[in-house]
């Protein structure tokens, strides 16, 4: 568990026989990952894959990381590689986890994780996935700012194309123009591209390949930077199936078998981050430590992302003993400097209950942009921010949609273990915005023990099973299964039975690839 918190990943081996992994490889080969027979429909198409997810070694590892009763996320993806090149390093999109405030600040606490599974032997020449250990925490502010500016320029090109041809930039004609103009832009702006490459180099030089035999799987923090390490130079296909998982409840005690002693001193700039994350998993209070305030403030305002982050966590975890450190964090959290603000927020969250009163006070006078940032921090703090529940409930009716989104999500963590009037969720579950509904459904699932049986919420969740947004549908079915309500479970079971996708031919059960038994079908038709 310490290794996962520090490095951001663990590599394990399935105990299923090689014959199982061979079958999974052959079944995946037959799918169309870009079409309906693949992607989020992987499990209906290859139901036997669920055996891997139910293995004790998989369940044990995920329970240690995400706690008991974690969710299997509805998004999954088979990364197929055949004659493919290396892939640029990236962090997966926030849309499947937690939308980053300011487009930069993410969640360090382990509420989402990913599993990478190889059904075939994957040596270096097969094009394994590459990861950057310890990259899950560091915001890399200069790199993100440069990428943001580049994306703005790319979006401008895309809009120009759409205005010019009257078609989507993703149409065949639009894609062709997009490639031409993007290449031209890169050729005409060599300094910009060279700067971006230089900023990306620390990640590139730190990446490692995840090689392994068939049945190898790696569990990583959701924000781990990754990408295909190298080209698949063989003539054989390579599959890497990615599954996502979501934490249900905030930690109340260590969820692993083994030592839960305090984090050992290591002398790394990120040590305060690791220690605070370890303490969060153990539900343990931070210990008092000695530090030099002027040096911490210098690091907090510096350009070294590792040192700044370590300083923010130090100031936050020591806030109950050092008010000056908390003052410094709030000065930056409430300021206009995006880079400093993002780093300071991690410290405000690490301060926990010590900073909640000041967050609530600031919320009362905040505009919509600041309110979203404050609510996001309260949601990250979780149950220690329970004194802010009244404000969070009120914010679910805010006129700004972004505020409503973060408020609905924050309720799902902050209200755990507190008396909670579930009617607050009825409005967000019927909100006109899909992401408000999605976050409210996730909050409902997480708060099932506090909610109990609520007929009004069952009706709203049942209605959302037919919403156009698959996230709304996905979290609604989870919530229905977790509520202490026989009516909710009946609704969930009826929906899942009707939505069942049978991957076998209509003519009956036949081995994969075998012709349909026409004689049997003809005889049955004559009855």
Protein backbone atom coordinates (compact mmCIF):
# COMPACT_ATOMS: atom_id res chain seq x y z
CA UNK A 1 0.00 0.00 0.00
CA UNK A 2 2.89 2.35 0.75
CA UNK A 3 4.32 1.59 -2.67
CA UNK A 4 1.00 2.45 -4.34
CA UNK A 5 0.76 5.77 -2.49
CA UNK A 6 4.35 6.72 -3.31
CA UNK A 7 4.80 5.35 -6.83
CA UNK A 8 1.15 5.40 -7.96
CA UNK A 9 0.97 1.80 -9.19
CA UNK A 10 1.31 -1.88 -8.28
CA UNK A 11 1.90 -4.82 -10.66
CA UNK A 12 0.24 -8.17 -9.86
CA UNK A 13 -0.41 -11.49 -11.61
CA UNK A 14 -3.73 -13.22 -12.20
CA UNK A 15 -4.06 -16.71 -10.73
CA UNK A 16 -6.24 -17.89 -13.62
CA UNK A 17 -4.64 -20.42 -16.00
CA UNK A 18 -3.01 -19.35 -19.26
CA UNK A 19 -5.86 -20.98 -21.19
CA UNK A 20 -8.19 -18.34 -19.76
CA UNK A 21 -6.00 -15.47 -20.97
CA UNK A 22 -5.65 -17.10 -24.39
CA UNK A 23 -9.45 -17.21 -24.68
CA UNK A 24 -9.70 -13.56 -23.65
CA UNK A 25 -7.11 -12.57 -26.27
CA UNK A 26 -8.95 -14.43 -29.04
CA UNK A 27 -12.32 -13.01 -27.97
CA UNK A 28 -10.95 -9.46 -27.90
CA UNK A 29 -9.36 -9.93 -31.32
CA UNK A 30 -12.83 -10.52 -32.76
CA UNK A 31 -14.26 -7.24 -31.46
CA UNK A 32 -14.43 -3.81 -33.06
CA UNK A 33 -13.06 -1.51 -30.39
CA UNK A 34 -14.18 1.60 -32.24
CA UNK A 35 -17.69 0.27 -32.85
CA UNK A 36 -20.57 -1.07 -30.76
CA UNK A 37 -18.82 -4.42 -30.21
CA UNK A 38 -16.23 -3.08 -27.82
CA UNK A 39 -15.32 -0.11 -25.64
CA UNK A 40 -17.97 0.25 -22.90
CA UNK A 41 -19.64 -2.93 -24.18
CA UNK A 42 -16.59 -5.12 -23.57
CA UNK A 43 -18.16 -7.11 -20.75
CA UNK A 44 -21.42 -7.89 -22.56
CA UNK A 45 -19.33 -9.02 -25.53
CA UNK A 46 -16.82 -11.00 -23.45
CA UNK A 47 -18.68 -11.78 -20.19
CA UNK A 48 -15.98 -14.19 -19.03
CA UNK A 49 -13.66 -11.21 -18.45
CA UNK A 50 -15.62 -10.66 -15.23
CA UNK A 51 -13.91 -13.74 -13.80
CA UNK A 52 -10.67 -11.78 -13.73
CA UNK A 53 -12.30 -8.89 -11.86
CA UNK A 54 -13.71 -11.31 -9.26
CA UNK A 55 -10.36 -12.96 -8.52
CA UNK A 56 -9.26 -12.70 -4.86
CA UNK A 57 -5.96 -11.11 -5.87
CA UNK A 58 -7.82 -8.38 -7.81
CA UNK A 59 -10.50 -7.82 -5.20
CA UNK A 60 -7.96 -7.78 -2.39
CA UNK A 61 -5.77 -5.19 -4.07
CA UNK A 62 -8.69 -2.93 -5.03
CA UNK A 63 -10.19 -3.19 -1.55
CA UNK A 64 -6.89 -2.09 -0.02
CA UNK A 65 -6.74 0.91 -2.36
CA UNK A 66 -10.42 1.92 -2.68
CA UNK A 67 -12.00 0.36 0.39
CA UNK A 68 -14.78 -2.25 0.49
CA UNK A 69 -17.78 -2.04 -1.85
CA UNK A 70 -15.94 -0.08 -4.53
CA UNK A 71 -17.73 0.31 -7.89
CA UNK A 72 -16.77 -1.15 -11.23
CA UNK A 73 -16.98 2.01 -13.34
CA UNK A 74 -19.15 1.78 -16.47
CA UNK A 75 -16.29 2.98 -18.71
CA UNK A 76 -13.80 0.40 -19.99
CA UNK A 77 -11.57 0.26 -23.05
CA UNK A 78 -9.46 -2.30 -24.92
CA UNK A 79 -6.29 -0.60 -26.15
CA UNK A 80 -5.55 -2.60 -29.29
CA UNK A 81 -2.11 -2.36 -30.87
CA UNK A 82 -0.91 -3.78 -34.19
CA UNK A 83 1.92 -2.01 -36.01
CA UNK A 84 1.17 1.02 -33.81
CA UNK A 85 3.75 3.63 -32.88
CA UNK A 86 4.53 5.01 -29.45
CA UNK A 87 1.82 7.13 -27.87
CA UNK A 88 2.28 10.60 -26.35
CA UNK A 89 2.22 10.62 -22.57
CA UNK A 90 -1.04 11.87 -21.16
CA UNK A 91 -3.38 11.80 -18.18
CA UNK A 92 -6.84 10.42 -18.86
CA UNK A 93 -9.72 12.86 -19.18
CA UNK A 94 -11.41 14.08 -16.03
CA UNK A 95 -14.86 13.33 -17.41
CA UNK A 96 -14.67 9.78 -16.01
CA UNK A 97 -13.50 10.87 -12.56
CA UNK A 98 -13.56 14.36 -11.10
CA UNK A 99 -13.64 17.47 -13.27
CA UNK A 100 -10.57 19.55 -12.39
CA UNK A 101 -11.27 23.03 -11.07
CA UNK A 102 -9.36 25.62 -13.12
CA UNK A 103 -8.59 22.77 -15.51
CA UNK A 104 -5.58 21.87 -13.37
CA UNK A 105 -6.29 20.95 -9.73
CA UNK A 106 -7.19 17.30 -9.43
CA UNK A 107 -7.88 14.92 -6.56
CA UNK A 108 -4.89 13.28 -4.87
CA UNK A 109 -6.94 11.15 -2.50
CA UNK A 110 -7.64 7.72 -3.95
CA UNK A 111 -11.26 7.90 -5.04
CA UNK A 112 -10.66 6.55 -8.57
CA UNK A 113 -8.24 3.94 -9.89
CA UNK A 114 -7.55 2.09 -13.14
CA UNK A 115 -6.59 -1.51 -13.89
CA UNK A 116 -4.52 -2.42 -16.97
CA UNK A 117 -4.77 -6.10 -18.00
CA UNK A 118 -2.67 -8.02 -20.54
CA UNK A 119 -4.29 -11.20 -21.94
CA UNK A 120 -1.06 -12.02 -23.84
CA UNK A 121 2.67 -12.00 -23.09
CA UNK A 122 3.78 -8.40 -23.53
CA UNK A 123 7.54 -7.94 -23.88
CA UNK A 124 9.08 -4.66 -25.01
CA UNK A 125 8.74 -5.47 -28.73
CA UNK A 126 4.97 -5.93 -28.25
CA UNK A 127 4.46 -2.25 -27.43
CA UNK A 128 3.65 -2.29 -23.69
CA UNK A 129 1.97 0.53 -21.84
CA UNK A 130 4.37 3.02 -20.29
CA UNK A 131 3.80 4.93 -17.06
CA UNK A 132 5.56 7.72 -15.19
CA UNK A 133 5.88 6.69 -11.52
CA UNK A 134 4.98 9.41 -8.98
CA UNK A 135 3.33 11.53 -11.68
CA UNK A 136 -0.14 11.25 -10.13
CA UNK A 137 0.41 14.11 -7.68
CA UNK A 138 2.50 16.75 -9.46
CA UNK A 139 0.50 19.35 -11.44
CA UNK A 140 3.39 20.34 -13.81
CA UNK A 141 2.05 23.88 -14.03
CA UNK A 142 4.34 25.20 -16.80
CA UNK A 143 3.62 22.18 -19.02
CA UNK A 144 -0.13 22.38 -18.47
CA UNK A 145 -0.13 26.11 -19.21
CA UNK A 146 1.78 25.54 -22.46
CA UNK A 147 -0.57 22.72 -23.49
CA UNK A 148 -3.56 24.91 -22.68
CA UNK A 149 -2.29 27.65 -24.99
CA UNK A 150 -1.59 25.12 -27.72
CA UNK A 151 -5.08 23.66 -27.37
CA UNK A 152 -6.54 27.15 -27.67
CA UNK A 153 -4.70 27.58 -30.98
CA UNK A 154 -5.86 24.17 -32.16
CA UNK A 155 -9.45 25.05 -31.26
CA UNK A 156 -9.13 28.26 -33.25
CA UNK A 157 -8.01 26.28 -36.30
CA UNK A 158 -10.93 23.90 -35.82
CA UNK A 159 -13.46 26.73 -35.67
CA UNK A 160 -11.96 28.37 -38.76
CA UNK A 161 -12.37 25.11 -40.68
CA UNK A 162 -15.98 24.69 -39.58
CA UNK A 163 -16.80 28.28 -40.57
CA UNK A 164 -15.08 27.83 -43.91
CA UNK A 165 -16.62 24.52 -45.03
CA UNK A 166 -19.86 24.57 -43.05
CA UNK A 167 -19.17 21.11 -41.69
CA UNK A 168 -17.83 19.60 -38.51
CA UNK A 169 -14.06 19.48 -38.20
CA UNK A 170 -14.52 15.78 -37.50
CA UNK A 171 -16.11 15.11 -40.90
CA UNK A 172 -13.83 13.41 -43.47
CA UNK A 173 -13.21 16.69 -45.25
CA UNK A 174 -12.75 18.54 -41.97
CA UNK A 175 -10.25 16.00 -40.64
CA UNK A 176 -8.16 16.32 -43.79
CA UNK A 177 -8.04 20.11 -43.49
CA UNK A 178 -7.36 19.82 -39.77
CA UNK A 179 -4.30 17.62 -40.35
CA UNK A 180 -2.93 19.95 -43.03
CA UNK A 181 -3.33 23.14 -40.99
CA UNK A 182 -2.14 21.59 -37.77
CA UNK A 183 1.05 20.37 -39.48
CA UNK A 184 1.51 23.80 -41.05
CA UNK A 185 1.08 25.52 -37.68
CA UNK A 186 3.66 23.24 -36.06
CA UNK A 187 6.11 23.84 -38.92
CA UNK A 188 5.65 27.62 -38.73
CA UNK A 189 6.05 27.74 -34.91
CA UNK A 190 9.18 25.69 -34.17
CA UNK A 191 10.01 27.63 -30.98
CA UNK A 192 6.60 26.91 -29.46
CA UNK A 193 6.83 23.21 -30.28
CA UNK A 194 10.43 23.00 -29.01
CA UNK A 195 9.41 24.62 -25.72
CA UNK A 196 6.55 22.16 -25.30
CA UNK A 197 8.88 19.24 -26.02
CA UNK A 198 11.40 20.53 -23.47
CA UNK A 199 8.68 20.85 -20.82
CA UNK A 200 7.51 17.33 -21.56
CA UNK A 201 11.02 15.84 -21.41
CA UNK A 202 11.07 15.15 -17.63
CA UNK A 203 8.07 12.86 -18.04
CA UNK A 204 9.54 11.19 -21.12
CA UNK A 205 12.84 10.46 -19.39
CA UNK A 206 11.08 9.07 -16.30
CA UNK A 207 8.62 6.72 -18.02
CA UNK A 208 8.99 2.96 -17.63
CA UNK A 209 7.47 0.06 -19.61
CA UNK A 210 4.91 -2.27 -18.02
CA UNK A 211 6.07 -5.54 -19.53
CA UNK A 212 4.70 -8.88 -18.32
CA UNK A 213 3.38 -12.34 -19.07
CA UNK A 214 -0.22 -13.07 -20.00
CA UNK A 215 -2.37 -12.39 -16.94
CA UNK A 216 -0.28 -9.48 -15.69
CA UNK A 217 -2.36 -6.56 -14.44
CA UNK A 218 -1.36 -3.18 -13.05
CA UNK A 219 -3.49 -1.00 -10.79
CA UNK A 220 -2.70 2.71 -11.09
CA UNK A 221 -3.92 5.97 -9.60
CA UNK A 222 -6.42 7.53 -12.02
CA UNK A 223 -4.20 10.57 -12.60
CA UNK A 224 -1.12 8.53 -13.50
CA UNK A 225 0.62 9.85 -16.63
CA UNK A 226 0.85 7.03 -19.18
CA UNK A 227 0.94 6.11 -22.86
CA UNK A 228 2.13 3.32 -25.18
CA UNK A 229 5.81 2.97 -24.33
CA UNK A 230 6.99 1.71 -27.70
CA UNK A 231 5.78 0.46 -31.06
CA UNK A 232 4.43 -3.06 -31.48
CA UNK A 233 7.05 -4.38 -33.89
CA UNK A 234 5.64 -7.91 -34.00
CA UNK A 235 3.07 -9.24 -36.44
CA UNK A 236 0.76 -10.17 -33.55
CA UNK A 237 -1.94 -8.14 -31.88
CA UNK A 238 -1.49 -6.68 -28.42
CA UNK A 239 -4.43 -5.97 -26.11
CA UNK A 240 -4.42 -3.92 -22.92
CA UNK A 241 -7.84 -3.81 -21.33
CA UNK A 242 -8.45 -0.84 -19.07
CA UNK A 243 -11.07 -0.98 -16.32
CA UNK A 244 -11.96 1.92 -14.02
CA UNK A 245 -13.03 1.69 -10.39
CA UNK A 246 -14.56 4.19 -7.98
CA UNK A 247 -14.41 4.44 -4.19
CA UNK A 248 -17.74 4.13 -2.40
CA UNK A 249 -17.09 5.40 1.14
CA UNK A 250 -14.44 7.63 2.68
CA UNK A 251 -11.92 5.68 4.79
CA UNK A 252 -12.76 4.98 8.42
CA UNK A 253 -9.77 2.68 9.07
CA UNK A 254 -7.00 0.94 7.07
CA UNK A 255 -8.55 -1.35 4.43
CA UNK A 256 -5.50 -3.59 4.07
CA UNK A 257 -3.90 -6.40 6.03
CA UNK A 258 -0.51 -5.25 7.22
CA UNK A 259 1.26 -2.40 8.91
CA UNK A 260 -0.57 0.87 9.39
CA UNK A 261 2.27 2.59 11.23
CA UNK A 262 3.10 6.25 10.54
CA UNK A 263 4.83 7.01 7.26
CA UNK A 264 8.61 6.60 7.52
CA UNK A 265 10.85 9.61 6.92
CA UNK A 266 12.41 9.52 3.44
CA UNK A 267 13.61 13.06 2.82
CA UNK A 268 11.86 13.47 -0.54
CA UNK A 269 10.15 16.80 -1.36
CA UNK A 270 6.88 14.88 -1.91
CA UNK A 271 7.08 13.11 1.45
CA UNK A 272 4.45 15.41 3.06
CA UNK A 273 2.06 14.46 0.21
CA UNK A 274 2.63 10.74 0.73
CA UNK A 275 2.32 11.04 4.49
CA UNK A 276 -0.94 12.99 4.31
CA UNK A 277 -2.39 10.50 1.81
CA UNK A 278 -1.31 7.59 4.04
CA UNK A 279 -2.97 9.27 7.04
CA UNK A 280 -6.16 9.82 5.03
CA UNK A 281 -6.31 6.12 4.15
CA UNK A 282 -5.74 5.23 7.83
CA UNK A 283 -8.20 7.91 9.07
CA UNK A 284 -5.38 9.08 11.33
CA UNK A 285 -4.68 12.61 12.52
CA UNK A 286 -1.55 14.27 11.21
CA UNK A 287 1.36 14.40 13.64
CA UNK A 288 3.06 17.61 14.63
CA UNK A 289 6.43 18.21 13.01
CA UNK A 290 9.05 20.95 12.97
CA UNK A 291 9.53 23.05 9.85
CA UNK A 292 10.94 26.44 8.89
CA UNK A 293 8.06 28.72 7.88
CA UNK A 294 10.05 31.18 5.71
CA UNK A 295 11.59 28.28 3.75
CA UNK A 296 8.17 26.67 3.32
CA UNK A 297 6.69 29.91 1.99
CA UNK A 298 9.58 30.35 -0.44
CA UNK A 299 9.01 26.82 -1.76
CA UNK A 300 5.25 27.39 -1.91
CA UNK A 301 5.73 30.35 -4.23
CA UNK A 302 8.53 28.81 -6.28
CA UNK A 303 8.42 27.20 -9.71
CA UNK A 304 9.55 23.76 -8.53
CA UNK A 305 6.28 21.80 -8.57
CA UNK A 306 7.54 19.07 -6.23
CA UNK A 307 8.85 21.50 -3.61
CA UNK A 308 5.75 23.74 -3.84
CA UNK A 309 3.41 20.80 -3.39
CA UNK A 310 5.40 19.45 -0.43
CA UNK A 311 5.33 22.87 1.20
CA UNK A 312 1.56 23.21 0.71
CA UNK A 313 0.95 19.87 2.39
CA UNK A 314 3.32 20.72 5.25
CA UNK A 315 1.55 24.02 5.90
CA UNK A 316 -1.83 22.33 5.68
CA UNK A 317 -1.18 19.36 7.94
CA UNK A 318 0.42 21.66 10.54
CA UNK A 319 -2.34 24.28 10.34
CA UNK A 320 -3.84 23.53 13.76
CA UNK A 321 -0.50 24.39 15.36
CA UNK A 322 0.71 27.10 12.98
CA UNK A 323 -1.97 29.66 12.07
CA UNK A 324 0.50 31.70 10.01
CA UNK A 325 0.88 28.77 7.61
CA UNK A 326 -2.89 28.51 7.15
CA UNK A 327 -3.09 32.28 6.58
CA UNK A 328 -0.49 31.96 3.83
CA UNK A 329 -2.40 29.14 2.16
CA UNK A 330 -5.66 31.11 2.16
CA UNK A 331 -3.96 34.23 0.82
CA UNK A 332 -2.93 32.23 -2.23
CA UNK A 333 -6.10 30.14 -2.44
CA UNK A 334 -8.19 33.31 -2.68
CA UNK A 335 -5.73 35.04 -5.02
CA UNK A 336 -5.61 35.48 -8.78
CA UNK A 337 -2.36 33.63 -9.53
CA UNK A 338 -3.57 30.33 -11.01
CA UNK A 339 -0.38 28.39 -10.37
CA UNK A 340 -0.09 29.40 -6.73
CA UNK A 341 -3.82 29.01 -6.21
CA UNK A 342 -3.84 25.42 -7.44
CA UNK A 343 -0.96 24.37 -5.19
CA UNK A 344 -2.36 26.22 -2.16
CA UNK A 345 -5.68 24.41 -2.51
CA UNK A 346 -3.97 21.09 -1.79
CA UNK A 347 -2.74 22.59 1.47
CA UNK A 348 -6.19 23.93 2.34
CA UNK A 349 -7.62 20.43 1.82
CA UNK A 350 -4.83 18.88 3.89
CA UNK A 351 -5.72 21.28 6.73
CA UNK A 352 -9.08 19.53 6.97
CA UNK A 353 -11.41 20.78 9.66
CA UNK A 354 -8.98 23.56 10.64
CA UNK A 355 -9.79 25.41 7.42
CA UNK A 356 -13.51 24.66 7.03
CA UNK A 357 -14.74 27.74 8.91
CA UNK A 358 -12.72 30.06 6.70
CA UNK A 359 -13.92 28.29 3.56
CA UNK A 360 -17.55 28.70 4.60
CA UNK A 361 -16.98 32.36 5.47
CA UNK A 362 -15.45 32.96 2.05
CA UNK A 363 -18.27 31.06 0.36
CA UNK A 364 -20.90 33.44 1.72
CA UNK A 365 -19.37 36.36 -0.23
CA UNK A 366 -18.02 34.43 -3.24
CA UNK A 367 -18.87 34.89 -6.89
CA UNK A 368 -19.68 31.78 -8.92
CA UNK A 369 -16.08 31.05 -9.94
CA UNK A 370 -14.73 31.23 -6.39
CA UNK A 371 -17.76 29.38 -5.01
CA UNK A 372 -17.01 26.43 -7.28
CA UNK A 373 -13.40 26.32 -6.04
CA UNK A 374 -14.44 26.52 -2.40
CA UNK A 375 -17.07 23.81 -2.77
CA UNK A 376 -14.59 21.61 -4.61
CA UNK A 377 -12.17 21.93 -1.68
CA UNK A 378 -14.93 21.15 0.85
CA UNK A 379 -15.88 18.04 -1.10
CA UNK A 380 -12.26 16.92 -1.13
CA UNK A 381 -11.98 17.41 2.64
CA UNK A 382 -14.97 15.08 3.05
CA UNK A 383 -16.67 14.27 6.39
CA UNK A 384 -14.49 16.70 8.43
CA UNK A 385 -16.28 19.47 6.49
CA UNK A 386 -19.73 18.40 7.78
CA UNK A 387 -20.30 21.82 9.37
CA UNK A 388 -20.65 23.16 5.80
CA UNK A 389 -23.53 20.84 4.84
CA UNK A 390 -26.15 23.60 5.02
CA UNK A 391 -24.17 25.74 2.57
CA UNK A 392 -23.54 22.79 0.25
CA UNK A 393 -27.22 21.88 0.20
CA UNK A 394 -28.14 25.47 -0.62
CA UNK A 395 -25.54 25.57 -3.41
CA UNK A 396 -27.31 22.73 -5.26
CA UNK A 397 -29.87 25.36 -6.24
CA UNK A 398 -27.33 28.00 -7.33
CA UNK A 399 -28.04 29.77 -10.62
CA UNK A 400 -24.54 28.93 -11.91
CA UNK A 401 -24.41 25.41 -13.33
CA UNK A 402 -20.77 24.86 -12.39
CA UNK A 403 -21.51 25.61 -8.74
CA UNK A 404 -24.41 23.15 -8.82
CA UNK A 405 -22.16 20.46 -10.31
CA UNK A 406 -19.54 20.69 -7.58
CA UNK A 407 -22.14 21.04 -4.81
CA UNK A 408 -23.97 17.87 -5.83
CA UNK A 409 -20.70 15.93 -5.94
CA UNK A 410 -19.40 17.35 -2.65
CA UNK A 411 -22.48 16.20 -0.76
CA UNK A 412 -21.56 12.60 -1.55
CA UNK A 413 -18.35 12.80 0.48
CA UNK A 414 -19.07 15.49 3.10
CA UNK A 415 -22.42 14.05 4.29
CA UNK A 416 -21.06 10.55 4.98
CA UNK A 417 -21.66 9.69 8.65
CA UNK A 418 -23.83 12.76 9.29
CA UNK A 419 -27.61 13.16 9.62
CA UNK A 420 -28.73 14.03 6.12
CA UNK A 421 -32.05 15.07 4.62
CA UNK A 422 -32.09 13.17 1.33
CA UNK A 423 -34.69 15.47 -0.23
CA UNK A 424 -31.78 17.81 -1.00
CA UNK A 425 -30.79 15.39 -3.77
CA UNK A 426 -34.19 15.39 -5.48
CA UNK A 427 -33.58 18.71 -7.24
CA UNK A 428 -30.08 17.86 -8.55
CA UNK A 429 -31.32 14.47 -9.78
CA UNK A 430 -33.80 16.32 -12.00
CA UNK A 431 -31.50 19.22 -12.97
CA UNK A 432 -31.52 20.39 -16.58
CA UNK A 433 -27.73 19.88 -16.70
CA UNK A 434 -26.51 16.32 -17.30
CA UNK A 435 -23.39 16.68 -15.15
CA UNK A 436 -25.40 17.92 -12.17
CA UNK A 437 -27.59 14.83 -12.51
CA UNK A 438 -24.51 12.61 -12.86
CA UNK A 439 -22.89 14.01 -9.72
CA UNK A 440 -26.15 13.77 -7.79
CA UNK A 441 -26.56 10.12 -8.76
CA UNK A 442 -22.98 9.39 -7.63
CA UNK A 443 -23.65 11.22 -4.36
CA UNK A 444 -26.84 9.19 -3.87
CA UNK A 445 -24.91 5.96 -4.34
CA UNK A 446 -22.24 7.04 -1.87
CA UNK A 447 -24.80 8.18 0.69
CA UNK A 448 -27.00 5.07 0.52
CA UNK A 449 -26.41 4.19 4.22
CA UNK A 450 -27.48 7.70 5.27
CA UNK A 451 -30.44 7.83 2.88
CA UNK A 452 -32.06 4.47 3.58
CA UNK A 453 -35.31 4.06 1.65
CA UNK A 454 -36.62 7.07 -0.26
CA UNK A 455 -39.45 6.57 -2.75
CA UNK A 456 -38.99 10.03 -4.27
CA UNK A 457 -35.32 9.35 -5.04
CA UNK A 458 -36.16 5.93 -6.46
CA UNK A 459 -38.51 7.57 -8.94
CA UNK A 460 -35.94 10.16 -9.96
CA UNK A 461 -33.23 7.54 -10.39
CA UNK A 462 -35.57 5.30 -12.39
CA UNK A 463 -36.29 8.21 -14.72
CA UNK A 464 -32.55 8.82 -15.15
CA UNK A 465 -32.00 5.26 -16.38
CA UNK A 466 -33.22 6.56 -19.75
CA UNK A 467 -31.25 9.81 -19.76
CA UNK A 468 -29.19 10.58 -22.88
CA UNK A 469 -25.91 10.84 -20.92
CA UNK A 470 -24.36 7.46 -20.15
CA UNK A 471 -22.77 8.78 -16.93
CA UNK A 472 -26.23 9.65 -15.61
CA UNK A 473 -27.44 6.17 -16.48
CA UNK A 474 -24.35 4.51 -15.04
CA UNK A 475 -24.39 6.17 -11.62
CA UNK A 476 -28.18 5.90 -11.36
CA UNK A 477 -28.08 2.12 -11.69
CA UNK A 478 -25.36 2.01 -8.99
CA UNK A 479 -27.46 4.16 -6.67
CA UNK A 480 -30.57 2.02 -7.15
CA UNK A 481 -28.63 -1.12 -6.27
CA UNK A 482 -27.20 0.43 -3.11
CA UNK A 483 -30.28 2.06 -1.60
CA UNK A 484 -31.90 0.14 1.25
CA UNK A 485 -35.09 -0.25 -0.76
CA UNK A 486 -36.66 -3.33 -2.30
CA UNK A 487 -38.45 -1.06 -4.78
CA UNK A 488 -35.12 0.41 -5.90
CA UNK A 489 -33.59 -3.02 -6.38
CA UNK A 490 -36.65 -4.19 -8.33
CA UNK A 491 -36.32 -1.19 -10.67
CA UNK A 492 -32.60 -1.91 -11.15
CA UNK A 493 -33.16 -5.61 -11.81
CA UNK A 494 -35.95 -5.01 -14.34
CA UNK A 495 -33.84 -2.45 -16.17
CA UNK A 496 -30.74 -4.65 -16.28
CA UNK A 497 -32.76 -7.65 -17.45
CA UNK A 498 -34.31 -5.66 -20.28
CA UNK A 499 -30.98 -4.05 -21.22
CA UNK A 500 -29.09 -7.35 -21.25
CA UNK A 501 -27.04 -7.76 -24.39
CA UNK A 502 -26.61 -11.36 -25.48
CA UNK A 503 -23.39 -11.65 -27.49
CA UNK A 504 -24.36 -15.03 -28.92
CA UNK A 505 -26.10 -15.45 -32.32
CA UNK A 506 -29.87 -15.21 -32.42
CA UNK A 507 -30.07 -18.81 -33.57
CA UNK A 508 -28.82 -20.12 -30.26
CA UNK A 509 -25.63 -21.02 -28.46
CA UNK A 510 -22.79 -21.95 -30.76
CA UNK A 511 -19.03 -21.89 -30.25
CA UNK A 512 -17.38 -18.63 -31.19
CA UNK A 513 -16.68 -18.60 -34.94
CA UNK A 514 -18.79 -21.68 -35.65
CA UNK A 515 -21.58 -21.57 -38.27
CA UNK A 516 -25.13 -21.29 -36.99
CA UNK A 517 -26.93 -24.66 -36.70
CA UNK A 518 -29.27 -24.04 -39.66
CA UNK A 519 -30.92 -27.43 -39.44
CA UNK A 520 -31.90 -26.86 -35.85
CA UNK A 521 -33.20 -23.41 -36.66
CA UNK A 522 -35.28 -24.71 -39.59
CA UNK A 523 -36.74 -27.54 -37.49
CA UNK A 524 -37.62 -25.11 -34.71
CA UNK A 525 -39.35 -22.78 -37.18
CA UNK A 526 -41.64 -25.61 -38.36
CA UNK A 527 -42.95 -26.35 -34.86
